[in-house]
Amino acid sequence: MDKRLYVTILYDFYGGLLTDKQKEIFEMYYLNDLSLSEIGASGGVSRQAVSDLLRRTTKLLTDYEERLGLAARHTRLLDCIDKLAAQCNGLREVMPAAAWHQIDETLTEIREL
């Protein structure tokens, strides 16, 4: 997984723990794809200040993940759900349609948690 995608996944899990300024700059750079210079100009700060804030914010997000491991746990859970779905799919022909429908709905519900 590339770094940009990984950091945005961490932001999904831990963004609520950041300050408003950290969120704003992070979103401008990673979600809105603005350059460091554009962000600096809009906030009246230097490109270097934006770079430093992004570096510190990224470090915070990775530190949260190292301590809490929520993103890694979520990935493992999705992998297990996919394995379970594949195993259940093999039973589709021998199960009543209503039972398969319930299993499918439950797997979908779990994925959405």
PDB file of N, CA and C in Angstrom:
ATOM      1  N   MET A   1       0.857  -1.170   0.000  1.00  0.00           N
ATOM      2  CA  MET A   1       0.000   0.000   0.000  1.00  0.00           C
ATOM      3  C   MET A   1       0.906   1.237   0.000  1.00  0.00           C
ATOM      4  N   ASP A   2       0.560   2.209  -0.823  1.00  0.00           N
ATOM      5  CA  ASP A   2       1.414   3.393  -0.864  1.00  0.00           C
ATOM      6  C   ASP A   2       1.167   4.284   0.355  1.00  0.00           C
ATOM      7  N   LYS A   3       2.133   5.125   0.648  1.00  0.00           N
ATOM      8  CA  LYS A   3       2.117   5.929   1.867  1.00  0.00           C
ATOM      9  C   LYS A   3       0.905   6.855   1.917  1.00  0.00           C
ATOM     10  N   ARG A   4       0.571   7.462   0.802  1.00  0.00           N
ATOM     11  CA  ARG A   4      -0.540   8.411   0.766  1.00  0.00           C
ATOM     12  C   ARG A   4      -1.854   7.720   1.163  1.00  0.00           C
ATOM     13  N   LEU A   5      -2.090   6.561   0.604  1.00  0.00           N
ATOM     14  CA  LEU A   5      -3.306   5.813   0.936  1.00  0.00           C
ATOM     15  C   LEU A   5      -3.292   5.393   2.404  1.00  0.00           C
ATOM     16  N   TYR A   6      -2.153   4.908   2.871  1.00  0.00           N
ATOM     17  CA  TYR A   6      -2.033   4.472   4.261  1.00  0.00           C
ATOM     18  C   TYR A   6      -2.326   5.617   5.230  1.00  0.00           C
ATOM     19  N   VAL A   7      -1.778   6.780   4.957  1.00  0.00           N
ATOM     20  CA  VAL A   7      -1.973   7.929   5.844  1.00  0.00           C
ATOM     21  C   VAL A   7      -3.433   8.368   5.833  1.00  0.00           C
ATOM     22  N   THR A   8      -4.095   8.318   4.685  1.00  0.00           N
ATOM     23  CA  THR A   8      -5.506   8.714   4.649  1.00  0.00           C
ATOM     24  C   THR A   8      -6.385   7.693   5.384  1.00  0.00           C
ATOM     25  N   ILE A   9      -5.991   6.424   5.349  1.00  0.00           N
ATOM     26  CA  ILE A   9      -6.718   5.415   6.132  1.00  0.00           C
ATOM     27  C   ILE A   9      -6.551   5.701   7.624  1.00  0.00           C
ATOM     28  N   LEU A  10      -5.336   6.023   8.027  1.00  0.00           N
ATOM     29  CA  LEU A  10      -5.103   6.369   9.433  1.00  0.00           C
ATOM     30  C   LEU A  10      -5.920   7.595   9.826  1.00  0.00           C
ATOM     31  N   TYR A  11      -6.030   8.549   8.912  1.00  0.00           N
ATOM     32  CA  TYR A  11      -6.825   9.755   9.177  1.00  0.00           C
ATOM     33  C   TYR A  11      -8.296   9.384   9.407  1.00  0.00           C
ATOM     34  N   ASP A  12      -8.796   8.410   8.651  1.00  0.00           N
ATOM     35  CA  ASP A  12     -10.175   7.968   8.857  1.00  0.00           C
ATOM     36  C   ASP A  12     -10.381   7.451  10.279  1.00  0.00           C
ATOM     37  N   PHE A  13      -9.389   6.772  10.803  1.00  0.00           N
ATOM     38  CA  PHE A  13      -9.504   6.206  12.147  1.00  0.00           C
ATOM     39  C   PHE A  13      -9.205   7.223  13.246  1.00  0.00           C
ATOM     40  N   TYR A  14      -8.193   8.041  13.050  1.00  0.00           N
ATOM     41  CA  TYR A  14      -7.696   8.877  14.145  1.00  0.00           C
ATOM     42  C   TYR A  14      -7.826  10.384  13.897  1.00  0.00           C
ATOM     43  N   GLY A  15      -8.418  10.785  12.801  1.00  0.00           N
ATOM     44  CA  GLY A  15      -8.539  12.207  12.491  1.00  0.00           C
ATOM     45  C   GLY A  15      -9.242  13.008  13.573  1.00  0.00           C
ATOM     46  N   GLY A  16     -10.180  12.377  14.245  1.00  0.00           N
ATOM     47  CA  GLY A  16     -10.897  13.056  15.321  1.00  0.00           C
ATOM     48  C   GLY A  16     -10.016  13.449  16.494  1.00  0.00           C
ATOM     49  N   LEU A  17      -8.823  12.893  16.565  1.00  0.00           N
ATOM     50  CA  LEU A  17      -7.899  13.209  17.662  1.00  0.00           C
ATOM     51  C   LEU A  17      -6.981  14.387  17.325  1.00  0.00           C
ATOM     52  N   LEU A  18      -7.066  14.878  16.102  1.00  0.00           N
ATOM     53  CA  LEU A  18      -6.199  15.983  15.677  1.00  0.00           C
ATOM     54  C   LEU A  18      -6.850  17.318  15.982  1.00  0.00           C
ATOM     55  N   THR A  19      -6.032  18.366  16.010  1.00  0.00           N
ATOM     56  CA  THR A  19      -6.561  19.716  16.186  1.00  0.00           C
ATOM     57  C   THR A  19      -7.251  20.154  14.896  1.00  0.00           C
ATOM     58  N   ASP A  20      -8.044  21.191  14.983  1.00  0.00           N
ATOM     59  CA  ASP A  20      -8.732  21.708  13.795  1.00  0.00           C
ATOM     60  C   ASP A  20      -7.736  22.137  12.726  1.00  0.00           C
ATOM     61  N   LYS A  21      -6.650  22.760  13.131  1.00  0.00           N
ATOM     62  CA  LYS A  21      -5.632  23.208  12.172  1.00  0.00           C
ATOM     63  C   LYS A  21      -4.966  22.012  11.490  1.00  0.00           C
ATOM     64  N   GLN A  22      -4.643  20.986  12.255  1.00  0.00           N
ATOM     65  CA  GLN A  22      -4.038  19.785  11.683  1.00  0.00           C
ATOM     66  C   GLN A  22      -4.993  19.140  10.672  1.00  0.00           C
ATOM     67  N   LYS A  23      -6.273  19.050  11.039  1.00  0.00           N
ATOM     68  CA  LYS A  23      -7.266  18.486  10.129  1.00  0.00           C
ATOM     69  C   LYS A  23      -7.369  19.304   8.849  1.00  0.00           C
ATOM     70  N   GLU A  24      -7.421  20.608   9.002  1.00  0.00           N
ATOM     71  CA  GLU A  24      -7.572  21.492   7.846  1.00  0.00           C
ATOM     72  C   GLU A  24      -6.416  21.324   6.861  1.00  0.00           C
ATOM     73  N   ILE A  25      -5.203  21.377   7.370  1.00  0.00           N
ATOM     74  CA  ILE A  25      -4.021  21.262   6.505  1.00  0.00           C
ATOM     75  C   ILE A  25      -3.942  19.863   5.908  1.00  0.00           C
ATOM     76  N   PHE A  26      -4.193  18.849   6.717  1.00  0.00           N
ATOM     77  CA  PHE A  26      -4.157  17.471   6.233  1.00  0.00           C
ATOM     78  C   PHE A  26      -5.145  17.297   5.077  1.00  0.00           C
ATOM     79  N   GLU A  27      -6.359  17.758   5.269  1.00  0.00           N
ATOM     80  CA  GLU A  27      -7.388  17.600   4.240  1.00  0.00           C
ATOM     81  C   GLU A  27      -7.045  18.386   2.979  1.00  0.00           C
ATOM     82  N   MET A  28      -6.495  19.573   3.149  1.00  0.00           N
ATOM     83  CA  MET A  28      -6.110  20.357   1.972  1.00  0.00           C
ATOM     84  C   MET A  28      -5.056  19.624   1.146  1.00  0.00           C
ATOM     85  N   TYR A  29      -4.110  19.022   1.827  1.00  0.00           N
ATOM     86  CA  TYR A  29      -3.005  18.360   1.129  1.00  0.00           C
ATOM     87  C   TYR A  29      -3.398  16.975   0.610  1.00  0.00           C
ATOM     88  N   TYR A  30      -3.916  16.122   1.492  1.00  0.00           N
ATOM     89  CA  TYR A  30      -4.169  14.736   1.120  1.00  0.00           C
ATOM     90  C   TYR A  30      -5.517  14.520   0.422  1.00  0.00           C
ATOM     91  N   LEU A  31      -6.546  15.249   0.834  1.00  0.00           N
ATOM     92  CA  LEU A  31      -7.861  15.005   0.256  1.00  0.00           C
ATOM     93  C   LEU A  31      -8.187  15.942  -0.903  1.00  0.00           C
ATOM     94  N   ASN A  32      -7.714  17.193  -0.817  1.00  0.00           N
ATOM     95  CA  ASN A  32      -8.008  18.159  -1.882  1.00  0.00           C
ATOM     96  C   ASN A  32      -6.857  18.322  -2.865  1.00  0.00           C
ATOM     97  N   ASP A  33      -5.745  17.642  -2.584  1.00  0.00           N
ATOM     98  CA  ASP A  33      -4.586  17.596  -3.483  1.00  0.00           C
ATOM     99  C   ASP A  33      -3.986  18.973  -3.790  1.00  0.00           C
ATOM    100  N   LEU A  34      -3.973  19.845  -2.781  1.00  0.00           N
ATOM    101  CA  LEU A  34      -3.320  21.147  -2.942  1.00  0.00           C
ATOM    102  C   LEU A  34      -1.829  20.999  -2.662  1.00  0.00           C
ATOM    103  N   SER A  35      -1.038  21.830  -3.288  1.00  0.00           N
ATOM    104  CA  SER A  35       0.405  21.796  -3.060  1.00  0.00           C
ATOM    105  C   SER A  35       0.737  22.488  -1.735  1.00  0.00           C
ATOM    106  N   LEU A  36       1.949  22.255  -1.254  1.00  0.00           N
ATOM    107  CA  LEU A  36       2.395  22.913  -0.025  1.00  0.00           C
ATOM    108  C   LEU A  36       2.373  24.427  -0.192  1.00  0.00           C
ATOM    109  N   SER A  37       2.779  24.906  -1.352  1.00  0.00           N
ATOM    110  CA  SER A  37       2.792  26.346  -1.627  1.00  0.00           C
ATOM    111  C   SER A  37       1.380  26.918  -1.625  1.00  0.00           C
ATOM    112  N   GLU A  38       0.441  26.206  -2.235  1.00  0.00           N
ATOM    113  CA  GLU A  38      -0.946  26.678  -2.259  1.00  0.00           C
ATOM    114  C   GLU A  38      -1.529  26.751  -0.859  1.00  0.00           C
ATOM    115  N   ILE A  39      -1.250  25.732  -0.064  1.00  0.00           N
ATOM    116  CA  ILE A  39      -1.755  25.715   1.316  1.00  0.00           C
ATOM    117  C   ILE A  39      -1.128  26.846   2.117  1.00  0.00           C
ATOM    118  N   GLY A  40       0.177  27.025   1.956  1.00  0.00           N
ATOM    119  CA  GLY A  40       0.869  28.098   2.668  1.00  0.00           C
ATOM    120  C   GLY A  40       0.326  29.465   2.298  1.00  0.00           C
ATOM    121  N   ALA A  41       0.106  29.679   1.016  1.00  0.00           N
ATOM    122  CA  ALA A  41      -0.410  30.972   0.555  1.00  0.00           C
ATOM    123  C   ALA A  41      -1.809  31.235   1.106  1.00  0.00           C
ATOM    124  N   SER A  42      -2.644  30.210   1.166  1.00  0.00           N
ATOM    125  CA  SER A  42      -4.007  30.409   1.664  1.00  0.00           C
ATOM    126  C   SER A  42      -4.035  30.691   3.161  1.00  0.00           C
ATOM    127  N   GLY A  43      -3.023  30.202   3.880  1.00  0.00           N
ATOM    128  CA  GLY A  43      -2.981  30.403   5.330  1.00  0.00           C
ATOM    129  C   GLY A  43      -1.999  31.465   5.783  1.00  0.00           C
ATOM    130  N   GLY A  44      -1.301  32.061   4.823  1.00  0.00           N
ATOM    131  CA  GLY A  44      -0.339  33.095   5.175  1.00  0.00           C
ATOM    132  C   GLY A  44       0.884  32.568   5.901  1.00  0.00           C
ATOM    133  N   VAL A  45       1.266  31.318   5.607  1.00  0.00           N
ATOM    134  CA  VAL A  45       2.456  30.729   6.228  1.00  0.00           C
ATOM    135  C   VAL A  45       3.373  30.216   5.126  1.00  0.00           C
ATOM    136  N   SER A  46       4.570  29.871   5.508  1.00  0.00           N
ATOM    137  CA  SER A  46       5.534  29.395   4.512  1.00  0.00           C
ATOM    138  C   SER A  46       5.245  27.954   4.110  1.00  0.00           C
ATOM    139  N   ARG A  47       5.788  27.595   2.971  1.00  0.00           N
ATOM    140  CA  ARG A  47       5.703  26.226   2.476  1.00  0.00           C
ATOM    141  C   ARG A  47       6.334  25.282   3.498  1.00  0.00           C
ATOM    142  N   GLN A  48       7.436  25.703   4.096  1.00  0.00           N
ATOM    143  CA  GLN A  48       8.135  24.891   5.092  1.00  0.00           C
ATOM    144  C   GLN A  48       7.274  24.660   6.331  1.00  0.00           C
ATOM    145  N   ALA A  49       6.533  25.679   6.752  1.00  0.00           N
ATOM    146  CA  ALA A  49       5.657  25.530   7.916  1.00  0.00           C
ATOM    147  C   ALA A  49       4.573  24.484   7.642  1.00  0.00           C
ATOM    148  N   VAL A  50       4.032  24.502   6.434  1.00  0.00           N
ATOM    149  CA  VAL A  50       3.014  23.522   6.050  1.00  0.00           C
ATOM    150  C   VAL A  50       3.634  22.126   6.033  1.00  0.00           C
ATOM    151  N   SER A  51       4.812  22.012   5.458  1.00  0.00           N
ATOM    152  CA  SER A  51       5.512  20.725   5.399  1.00  0.00           C
ATOM    153  C   SER A  51       5.771  20.181   6.802  1.00  0.00           C
ATOM    154  N   ASP A  52       6.234  21.044   7.706  1.00  0.00           N
ATOM    155  CA  ASP A  52       6.499  20.621   9.084  1.00  0.00           C
ATOM    156  C   ASP A  52       5.222  20.141   9.780  1.00  0.00           C
ATOM    157  N   LEU A  53       4.136  20.883   9.593  1.00  0.00           N
ATOM    158  CA  LEU A  53       2.874  20.506  10.220  1.00  0.00           C
ATOM    159  C   LEU A  53       2.378  19.170   9.676  1.00  0.00           C
ATOM    160  N   LEU A  54       2.489  18.965   8.378  1.00  0.00           N
ATOM    161  CA  LEU A  54       2.078  17.689   7.786  1.00  0.00           C
ATOM    162  C   LEU A  54       2.947  16.538   8.294  1.00  0.00           C
ATOM    163  N   ARG A  55       4.233  16.775   8.409  1.00  0.00           N
ATOM    164  CA  ARG A  55       5.137  15.738   8.916  1.00  0.00           C
ATOM    165  C   ARG A  55       4.772  15.366  10.351  1.00  0.00           C
ATOM    166  N   ARG A  56       4.533  16.375  11.184  1.00  0.00           N
ATOM    167  CA  ARG A  56       4.162  16.110  12.579  1.00  0.00           C
ATOM    168  C   ARG A  56       2.799  15.416  12.671  1.00  0.00           C
ATOM    169  N   THR A  57       1.876  15.825  11.835  1.00  0.00           N
ATOM    170  CA  THR A  57       0.544  15.224  11.838  1.00  0.00           C
ATOM    171  C   THR A  57       0.611  13.766  11.399  1.00  0.00           C
ATOM    172  N   THR A  58       1.375  13.493  10.362  1.00  0.00           N
ATOM    173  CA  THR A  58       1.547  12.118   9.889  1.00  0.00           C
ATOM    174  C   THR A  58       2.200  11.263  10.968  1.00  0.00           C
ATOM    175  N   LYS A  59       3.181  11.826  11.657  1.00  0.00           N
ATOM    176  CA  LYS A  59       3.837  11.109  12.755  1.00  0.00           C
ATOM    177  C   LYS A  59       2.840  10.802  13.866  1.00  0.00           C
ATOM    178  N   LEU A  60       1.978  11.762  14.187  1.00  0.00           N
ATOM    179  CA  LEU A  60       0.954  11.536  15.209  1.00  0.00           C
ATOM    180  C   LEU A  60       0.032  10.386  14.814  1.00  0.00           C
ATOM    181  N   LEU A  61      -0.413  10.401  13.561  1.00  0.00           N
ATOM    182  CA  LEU A  61      -1.320   9.357  13.093  1.00  0.00           C
ATOM    183  C   LEU A  61      -0.661   7.977  13.159  1.00  0.00           C
ATOM    184  N   THR A  62       0.595   7.904  12.743  1.00  0.00           N
ATOM    185  CA  THR A  62       1.288   6.606  12.795  1.00  0.00           C
ATOM    186  C   THR A  62       1.552   6.187  14.245  1.00  0.00           C
ATOM    187  N   ASP A  63       1.822   7.149  15.120  1.00  0.00           N
ATOM    188  CA  ASP A  63       1.993   6.818  16.544  1.00  0.00           C
ATOM    189  C   ASP A  63       0.693   6.269  17.137  1.00  0.00           C
ATOM    190  N   TYR A  64      -0.436   6.892  16.785  1.00  0.00           N
ATOM    191  CA  TYR A  64      -1.725   6.387  17.265  1.00  0.00           C
ATOM    192  C   TYR A  64      -1.938   4.953  16.797  1.00  0.00           C
ATOM    193  N   GLU A  65      -1.617   4.691  15.534  1.00  0.00           N
ATOM    194  CA  GLU A  65      -1.806   3.338  15.002  1.00  0.00           C
ATOM    195  C   GLU A  65      -0.882   2.342  15.689  1.00  0.00           C
ATOM    196  N   GLU A  66       0.356   2.737  15.952  1.00  0.00           N
ATOM    197  CA  GLU A  66       1.287   1.839  16.646  1.00  0.00           C
ATOM    198  C   GLU A  66       0.774   1.488  18.036  1.00  0.00           C
ATOM    199  N   ARG A  67       0.167   2.464  18.706  1.00  0.00           N
ATOM    200  CA  ARG A  67      -0.325   2.227  20.063  1.00  0.00           C
ATOM    201  C   ARG A  67      -1.655   1.493  20.083  1.00  0.00           C
ATOM    202  N   LEU A  68      -2.559   1.861  19.187  1.00  0.00           N
ATOM    203  CA  LEU A  68      -3.920   1.338  19.243  1.00  0.00           C
ATOM    204  C   LEU A  68      -4.207   0.232  18.223  1.00  0.00           C
ATOM    205  N   GLY A  69      -3.593   0.305  17.064  1.00  0.00           N
ATOM    206  CA  GLY A  69      -3.732  -0.736  16.053  1.00  0.00           C
ATOM    207  C   GLY A  69      -5.111  -0.914  15.455  1.00  0.00           C
ATOM    208  N   LEU A  70      -5.926   0.143  15.447  1.00  0.00           N
ATOM    209  CA  LEU A  70      -7.291   0.014  14.951  1.00  0.00           C
ATOM    210  C   LEU A  70      -7.359  -0.253  13.456  1.00  0.00           C
ATOM    211  N   ALA A  71      -6.529   0.403  12.669  1.00  0.00           N
ATOM    212  CA  ALA A  71      -6.553   0.203  11.214  1.00  0.00           C
ATOM    213  C   ALA A  71      -6.105  -1.217  10.863  1.00  0.00           C
ATOM    214  N   ALA A  72      -5.066  -1.699  11.514  1.00  0.00           N
ATOM    215  CA  ALA A  72      -4.588  -3.060  11.256  1.00  0.00           C
ATOM    216  C   ALA A  72      -5.644  -4.083  11.669  1.00  0.00           C
ATOM    217  N   ARG A  73      -6.280  -3.849  12.790  1.00  0.00           N
ATOM    218  CA  ARG A  73      -7.332  -4.761  13.257  1.00  0.00           C
ATOM    219  C   ARG A  73      -8.489  -4.762  12.279  1.00  0.00           C
ATOM    220  N   HIS A  74      -8.864  -3.604  11.795  1.00  0.00           N
ATOM    221  CA  HIS A  74      -9.956  -3.494  10.828  1.00  0.00           C
ATOM    222  C   HIS A  74      -9.628  -4.276   9.549  1.00  0.00           C
ATOM    223  N   THR A  75      -8.398  -4.155   9.080  1.00  0.00           N
ATOM    224  CA  THR A  75      -7.973  -4.879   7.882  1.00  0.00           C
ATOM    225  C   THR A  75      -8.044  -6.386   8.105  1.00  0.00           C
ATOM    226  N   ARG A  76      -7.579  -6.841   9.275  1.00  0.00           N
ATOM    227  CA  ARG A  76      -7.641  -8.273   9.587  1.00  0.00           C
ATOM    228  C   ARG A  76      -9.087  -8.764   9.650  1.00  0.00           C
ATOM    229  N   LEU A  77      -9.964  -7.961  10.231  1.00  0.00           N
ATOM    230  CA  LEU A  77     -11.375  -8.344  10.307  1.00  0.00           C
ATOM    231  C   LEU A  77     -11.992  -8.460   8.916  1.00  0.00           C
ATOM    232  N   LEU A  78     -11.687  -7.508   8.039  1.00  0.00           N
ATOM    233  CA  LEU A  78     -12.208  -7.581   6.671  1.00  0.00           C
ATOM    234  C   LEU A  78     -11.694  -8.812   5.943  1.00  0.00           C
ATOM    235  N   ASP A  79     -10.427  -9.159   6.163  1.00  0.00           N
ATOM    236  CA  ASP A  79      -9.871 -10.363   5.555  1.00  0.00           C
ATOM    237  C   ASP A  79     -10.603 -11.619   6.044  1.00  0.00           C
ATOM    238  N   CYS A  80     -10.877 -11.682   7.340  1.00  0.00           N
ATOM    239  CA  CYS A  80     -11.600 -12.828   7.899  1.00  0.00           C
ATOM    240  C   CYS A  80     -13.024 -12.904   7.346  1.00  0.00           C
ATOM    241  N   ILE A  81     -13.658 -11.768   7.197  1.00  0.00           N
ATOM    242  CA  ILE A  81     -15.007 -11.737   6.640  1.00  0.00           C
ATOM    243  C   ILE A  81     -14.996 -12.251   5.204  1.00  0.00           C
ATOM    244  N   ASP A  82     -13.997 -11.840   4.432  1.00  0.00           N
ATOM    245  CA  ASP A  82     -13.886 -12.310   3.048  1.00  0.00           C
ATOM    246  C   ASP A  82     -13.671 -13.822   2.994  1.00  0.00           C
ATOM    247  N   LYS A  83     -12.846 -14.346   3.893  1.00  0.00           N
ATOM    248  CA  LYS A  83     -12.619 -15.795   3.942  1.00  0.00           C
ATOM    249  C   LYS A  83     -13.912 -16.523   4.300  1.00  0.00           C
ATOM    250  N   LEU A  84     -14.615 -16.001   5.291  1.00  0.00           N
ATOM    251  CA  LEU A  84     -15.875 -16.609   5.701  1.00  0.00           C
ATOM    252  C   LEU A  84     -16.889 -16.576   4.559  1.00  0.00           C
ATOM    253  N   ALA A  85     -16.953 -15.466   3.855  1.00  0.00           N
ATOM    254  CA  ALA A  85     -17.876 -15.353   2.720  1.00  0.00           C
ATOM    255  C   ALA A  85     -17.530 -16.374   1.647  1.00  0.00           C
ATOM    256  N   ALA A  86     -16.249 -16.565   1.373  1.00  0.00           N
ATOM    257  CA  ALA A  86     -15.824 -17.548   0.368  1.00  0.00           C
ATOM    258  C   ALA A  86     -16.198 -18.961   0.809  1.00  0.00           C
ATOM    259  N   GLN A  87     -16.024 -19.254   2.093  1.00  0.00           N
ATOM    260  CA  GLN A  87     -16.376 -20.576   2.608  1.00  0.00           C
ATOM    261  C   GLN A  87     -17.886 -20.810   2.540  1.00  0.00           C
ATOM    262  N   CYS A  88     -18.639 -19.782   2.890  1.00  0.00           N
ATOM    263  CA  CYS A  88     -20.101 -19.898   2.832  1.00  0.00           C
ATOM    264  C   CYS A  88     -20.576 -20.029   1.388  1.00  0.00           C
ATOM    265  N   ASN A  89     -19.912 -19.338   0.494  1.00  0.00           N
ATOM    266  CA  ASN A  89     -20.290 -19.387  -0.916  1.00  0.00           C
ATOM    267  C   ASN A  89     -20.196 -20.814  -1.455  1.00  0.00           C
ATOM    268  N   GLY A  90     -19.244 -21.581  -0.933  1.00  0.00           N
ATOM    269  CA  GLY A  90     -19.108 -22.973  -1.337  1.00  0.00           C
ATOM    270  C   GLY A  90     -20.283 -23.829  -0.902  1.00  0.00           C
ATOM    271  N   LEU A  91     -21.020 -23.378   0.081  1.00  0.00           N
ATOM    272  CA  LEU A  91     -22.186 -24.116   0.583  1.00  0.00           C
ATOM    273  C   LEU A  91     -23.492 -23.651  -0.054  1.00  0.00           C
ATOM    274  N   ARG A  92     -23.418 -22.691  -0.926  1.00  0.00           N
ATOM    275  CA  ARG A  92     -24.614 -22.067  -1.499  1.00  0.00           C
ATOM    276  C   ARG A  92     -25.558 -23.093  -2.131  1.00  0.00           C
ATOM    277  N   GLU A  93     -25.009 -24.073  -2.854  1.00  0.00           N
ATOM    278  CA  GLU A  93     -25.848 -25.035  -3.559  1.00  0.00           C
ATOM    279  C   GLU A  93     -26.605 -25.973  -2.616  1.00  0.00           C
ATOM    280  N   VAL A  94     -26.040 -26.223  -1.443  1.00  0.00           N
ATOM    281  CA  VAL A  94     -26.676 -27.173  -0.527  1.00  0.00           C
ATOM    282  C   VAL A  94     -27.517 -26.488   0.552  1.00  0.00           C
ATOM    283  N   MET A  95     -27.472 -25.179   0.603  1.00  0.00           N
ATOM    284  CA  MET A  95     -28.250 -24.446   1.601  1.00  0.00           C
ATOM    285  C   MET A  95     -29.566 -23.957   0.999  1.00  0.00           C
ATOM    286  N   PRO A  96     -30.588 -23.895   1.807  1.00  0.00           N
ATOM    287  CA  PRO A  96     -31.827 -23.274   1.332  1.00  0.00           C
ATOM    288  C   PRO A  96     -31.560 -21.802   0.998  1.00  0.00           C
ATOM    289  N   ALA A  97     -32.261 -21.289   0.026  1.00  0.00           N
ATOM    290  CA  ALA A  97     -32.048 -19.909  -0.423  1.00  0.00           C
ATOM    291  C   ALA A  97     -32.246 -18.907   0.718  1.00  0.00           C
ATOM    292  N   ALA A  98     -33.223 -19.152   1.567  1.00  0.00           N
ATOM    293  CA  ALA A  98     -33.493 -18.227   2.674  1.00  0.00           C
ATOM    294  C   ALA A  98     -32.317 -18.171   3.643  1.00  0.00           C
ATOM    295  N   ALA A  99     -31.714 -19.326   3.913  1.00  0.00           N
ATOM    296  CA  ALA A  99     -30.559 -19.367   4.817  1.00  0.00           C
ATOM    297  C   ALA A  99     -29.382 -18.625   4.197  1.00  0.00           C
ATOM    298  N   TRP A 100     -29.133 -18.835   2.915  1.00  0.00           N
ATOM    299  CA  TRP A 100     -28.038 -18.138   2.247  1.00  0.00           C
ATOM    300  C   TRP A 100     -28.279 -16.627   2.257  1.00  0.00           C
ATOM    301  N   HIS A 101     -29.520 -16.232   2.035  1.00  0.00           N
ATOM    302  CA  HIS A 101     -29.848 -14.801   2.037  1.00  0.00           C
ATOM    303  C   HIS A 101     -29.543 -14.188   3.406  1.00  0.00           C
ATOM    304  N   GLN A 102     -29.863 -14.872   4.481  1.00  0.00           N
ATOM    305  CA  GLN A 102     -29.579 -14.369   5.830  1.00  0.00           C
ATOM    306  C   GLN A 102     -28.076 -14.249   6.069  1.00  0.00           C
ATOM    307  N   ILE A 103     -27.335 -15.253   5.640  1.00  0.00           N
ATOM    308  CA  ILE A 103     -25.878 -15.217   5.800  1.00  0.00           C
ATOM    309  C   ILE A 103     -25.300 -14.044   5.018  1.00  0.00           C
ATOM    310  N   ASP A 104     -25.748 -13.876   3.799  1.00  0.00           N
ATOM    311  CA  ASP A 104     -25.259 -12.786   2.953  1.00  0.00           C
ATOM    312  C   ASP A 104     -25.564 -11.425   3.571  1.00  0.00           C
ATOM    313  N   GLU A 105     -26.769 -11.257   4.089  1.00  0.00           N
ATOM    314  CA  GLU A 105     -27.134  -9.996   4.750  1.00  0.00           C
ATOM    315  C   GLU A 105     -26.258  -9.739   5.980  1.00  0.00           C
ATOM    316  N   THR A 106     -26.019 -10.778   6.752  1.00  0.00           N
ATOM    317  CA  THR A 106     -25.188 -10.631   7.953  1.00  0.00           C
ATOM    318  C   THR A 106     -23.760 -10.265   7.597  1.00  0.00           C
ATOM    319  N   LEU A 107     -23.189 -10.892   6.582  1.00  0.00           N
ATOM    320  CA  LEU A 107     -21.827 -10.556   6.145  1.00  0.00           C
ATOM    321  C   LEU A 107     -21.761  -9.101   5.673  1.00  0.00           C
ATOM    322  N   THR A 108     -22.757  -8.664   4.943  1.00  0.00           N
ATOM    323  CA  THR A 108     -22.804  -7.275   4.479  1.00  0.00           C
ATOM    324  C   THR A 108     -22.893  -6.321   5.670  1.00  0.00           C
ATOM    325  N   GLU A 109     -23.719  -6.654   6.633  1.00  0.00           N
ATOM    326  CA  GLU A 109     -23.869  -5.815   7.826  1.00  0.00           C
ATOM    327  C   GLU A 109     -22.538  -5.716   8.597  1.00  0.00           C
ATOM    328  N   ILE A 110     -21.840  -6.824   8.723  1.00  0.00           N
ATOM    329  CA  ILE A 110     -20.567  -6.827   9.439  1.00  0.00           C
ATOM    330  C   ILE A 110     -19.545  -5.968   8.703  1.00  0.00           C
ATOM    331  N   ARG A 111     -19.507  -6.068   7.368  1.00  0.00           N
ATOM    332  CA  ARG A 111     -18.562  -5.258   6.593  1.00  0.00           C
ATOM    333  C   ARG A 111     -18.798  -3.759   6.793  1.00  0.00           C
ATOM    334  N   GLU A 112     -20.046  -3.383   6.997  1.00  0.00           N
ATOM    335  CA  GLU A 112     -20.388  -1.964   7.126  1.00  0.00           C
ATOM    336  C   GLU A 112     -20.121  -1.400   8.509  1.00  0.00           C
ATOM    337  N   LEU A 113     -19.807  -2.242   9.475  1.00  0.00           N
ATOM    338  CA  LEU A 113     -19.533  -1.763  10.840  1.00  0.00           C
ATOM    339  C   LEU A 113     -18.299  -0.919  10.921  1.00  0.00           C
TER     340      LEU A 113
END
